[in-house]
Amino acid sequence: MIKHFAFYQTSACHLCELAEAIFQPYAQHLELIIDTIDIADDNALLEQYGTRIPVLFHKESQYAIAWPFDEQQLRAFLSDCLKSK
């Protein structure tokens, strides 16, 4: 089971801070590897995620969850990701 995620965000984004506060306890408990990526540093990422951030992306399954999401939606997302092969 691969636990590698990307967290697409940008600095000074209060929604990104809210999302991180929701997923951080799960990241620690499940020992997830999360690469934080600032989309402002990459024009292609800015175009792809600019209106959707924050986005948590599971690299193996290619599943993503974009804001707004709550804890229940995050749990379902993580369950789907960690079941995928």
C-alpha atoms as a PDB file:
ATOM      1  CA  MET A   1       0.000   0.000   0.000  1.00  0.00           C
ATOM      2  CA  ILE A   2       1.545   3.273  -1.152  1.00  0.00           C
ATOM      3  CA  LYS A   3       0.887   6.224   1.124  1.00  0.00           C
ATOM      4  CA  HIS A   4       2.404   8.970  -1.020  1.00  0.00           C
ATOM      5  CA  PHE A   5       0.386  12.139  -1.538  1.00  0.00           C
ATOM      6  CA  ALA A   6       0.904  15.612  -2.956  1.00  0.00           C
ATOM      7  CA  PHE A   7      -0.716  18.596  -1.268  1.00  0.00           C
ATOM      8  CA  TYR A   8      -1.169  21.356  -3.834  1.00  0.00           C
ATOM      9  CA  GLN A   9      -1.469  24.746  -2.166  1.00  0.00           C
ATOM     10  CA  THR A  10       0.003  28.206  -2.107  1.00  0.00           C
ATOM     11  CA  SER A  11       1.337  30.468   0.610  1.00  0.00           C
ATOM     12  CA  ALA A  12      -1.009  32.771   2.524  1.00  0.00           C
ATOM     13  CA  CYS A  13      -3.986  30.572   1.590  1.00  0.00           C
ATOM     14  CA  HIS A  14      -6.341  30.344   4.556  1.00  0.00           C
ATOM     15  CA  LEU A  15      -8.302  27.531   2.879  1.00  0.00           C
ATOM     16  CA  CYS A  16      -5.058  25.570   2.540  1.00  0.00           C
ATOM     17  CA  GLU A  17      -4.441  26.030   6.256  1.00  0.00           C
ATOM     18  CA  LEU A  18      -7.962  24.775   7.033  1.00  0.00           C
ATOM     19  CA  ALA A  19      -7.503  21.717   4.817  1.00  0.00           C
ATOM     20  CA  GLU A  20      -4.130  20.934   6.351  1.00  0.00           C
ATOM     21  CA  ALA A  21      -5.626  21.139   9.841  1.00  0.00           C
ATOM     22  CA  ILE A  22      -8.199  18.522   8.785  1.00  0.00           C
ATOM     23  CA  PHE A  23      -5.803  16.055   7.163  1.00  0.00           C
ATOM     24  CA  GLN A  24      -2.715  16.458   9.353  1.00  0.00           C
ATOM     25  CA  PRO A  25      -3.961  14.201  12.185  1.00  0.00           C
ATOM     26  CA  TYR A  26      -4.730  11.476   9.627  1.00  0.00           C
ATOM     27  CA  ALA A  27      -1.361  11.962   7.963  1.00  0.00           C
ATOM     28  CA  GLN A  28       0.404  11.382  11.265  1.00  0.00           C
ATOM     29  CA  HIS A  29      -1.778   8.460  12.346  1.00  0.00           C
ATOM     30  CA  LEU A  30      -1.598   6.665   8.977  1.00  0.00           C
ATOM     31  CA  GLU A  31       2.070   7.606   8.425  1.00  0.00           C
ATOM     32  CA  LEU A  32       1.315   9.232   5.088  1.00  0.00           C
ATOM     33  CA  ILE A  33       4.065  10.778   2.996  1.00  0.00           C
ATOM     34  CA  ILE A  34       2.821  14.193   1.903  1.00  0.00           C
ATOM     35  CA  ASP A  35       4.795  16.422  -0.430  1.00  0.00           C
ATOM     36  CA  THR A  36       3.634  20.017  -0.091  1.00  0.00           C
ATOM     37  CA  ILE A  37       3.778  21.740  -3.460  1.00  0.00           C
ATOM     38  CA  ASP A  38       3.297  25.477  -3.916  1.00  0.00           C
ATOM     39  CA  ILE A  39       1.520  25.876  -7.247  1.00  0.00           C
ATOM     40  CA  ALA A  40       2.698  29.483  -7.565  1.00  0.00           C
ATOM     41  CA  ASP A  41       6.137  28.106  -8.491  1.00  0.00           C
ATOM     42  CA  ASP A  42       4.885  26.289 -11.607  1.00  0.00           C
ATOM     43  CA  ASN A  43       2.703  27.793 -14.350  1.00  0.00           C
ATOM     44  CA  ALA A  44       1.300  24.404 -15.396  1.00  0.00           C
ATOM     45  CA  LEU A  45       0.258  23.591 -11.819  1.00  0.00           C
ATOM     46  CA  LEU A  46      -1.136  27.088 -11.377  1.00  0.00           C
ATOM     47  CA  GLU A  47      -3.293  26.601 -14.457  1.00  0.00           C
ATOM     48  CA  GLN A  48      -4.388  23.102 -13.416  1.00  0.00           C
ATOM     49  CA  TYR A  49      -5.076  23.737  -9.708  1.00  0.00           C
ATOM     50  CA  GLY A  50      -5.381  27.517  -9.383  1.00  0.00           C
ATOM     51  CA  THR A  51      -9.133  27.578  -8.786  1.00  0.00           C
ATOM     52  CA  ARG A  52      -9.275  24.230  -6.954  1.00  0.00           C
ATOM     53  CA  ILE A  53      -6.667  24.538  -4.196  1.00  0.00           C
ATOM     54  CA  PRO A  54      -6.146  23.129  -1.764  1.00  0.00           C
ATOM     55  CA  VAL A  55      -5.961  19.719  -3.398  1.00  0.00           C
ATOM     56  CA  LEU A  56      -4.753  16.477  -1.835  1.00  0.00           C
ATOM     57  CA  PHE A  57      -3.623  14.057  -4.560  1.00  0.00           C
ATOM     58  CA  HIS A  58      -2.791  10.368  -4.111  1.00  0.00           C
ATOM     59  CA  LYS A  59       0.050   9.603  -6.458  1.00  0.00           C
ATOM     60  CA  GLU A  60      -0.568   5.885  -6.962  1.00  0.00           C
ATOM     61  CA  SER A  61      -4.339   5.864  -7.548  1.00  0.00           C
ATOM     62  CA  GLN A  62      -4.411   9.328  -9.154  1.00  0.00           C
ATOM     63  CA  TYR A  63      -7.383  10.168  -6.902  1.00  0.00           C
ATOM     64  CA  ALA A  64      -7.706  13.744  -5.709  1.00  0.00           C
ATOM     65  CA  ILE A  65      -9.868  15.651  -3.290  1.00  0.00           C
ATOM     66  CA  ALA A  66     -10.232  19.404  -3.693  1.00  0.00           C
ATOM     67  CA  TRP A  67     -11.547  21.996  -1.292  1.00  0.00           C
ATOM     68  CA  PRO A  68     -14.128  22.207   0.141  1.00  0.00           C
ATOM     69  CA  PHE A  69     -14.041  18.911   2.036  1.00  0.00           C
ATOM     70  CA  ASP A  70     -14.808  17.939   5.579  1.00  0.00           C
ATOM     71  CA  GLU A  71     -13.402  15.247   7.834  1.00  0.00           C
ATOM     72  CA  GLN A  72     -15.953  12.634   6.738  1.00  0.00           C
ATOM     73  CA  GLN A  73     -15.195  13.238   3.046  1.00  0.00           C
ATOM     74  CA  LEU A  74     -11.457  13.089   3.778  1.00  0.00           C
ATOM     75  CA  ARG A  75     -11.816   9.739   5.584  1.00  0.00           C
ATOM     76  CA  ALA A  76     -13.733   8.300   2.608  1.00  0.00           C
ATOM     77  CA  PHE A  77     -11.102   9.662   0.199  1.00  0.00           C
ATOM     78  CA  LEU A  78      -8.221   8.186   2.194  1.00  0.00           C
ATOM     79  CA  SER A  79     -10.000   4.847   2.476  1.00  0.00           C
ATOM     80  CA  ASP A  80     -10.487   4.726  -1.302  1.00  0.00           C
ATOM     81  CA  CYS A  81      -6.868   5.696  -1.934  1.00  0.00           C
ATOM     82  CA  LEU A  82      -5.368   3.213   0.468  1.00  0.00           C
ATOM     83  CA  LYS A  83      -7.508   0.354  -0.896  1.00  0.00           C
ATOM     84  CA  SER A  84      -6.457   1.014  -4.503  1.00  0.00           C
ATOM     85  CA  LYS A  85      -3.761  -1.066  -6.129  1.00  0.00           C
END
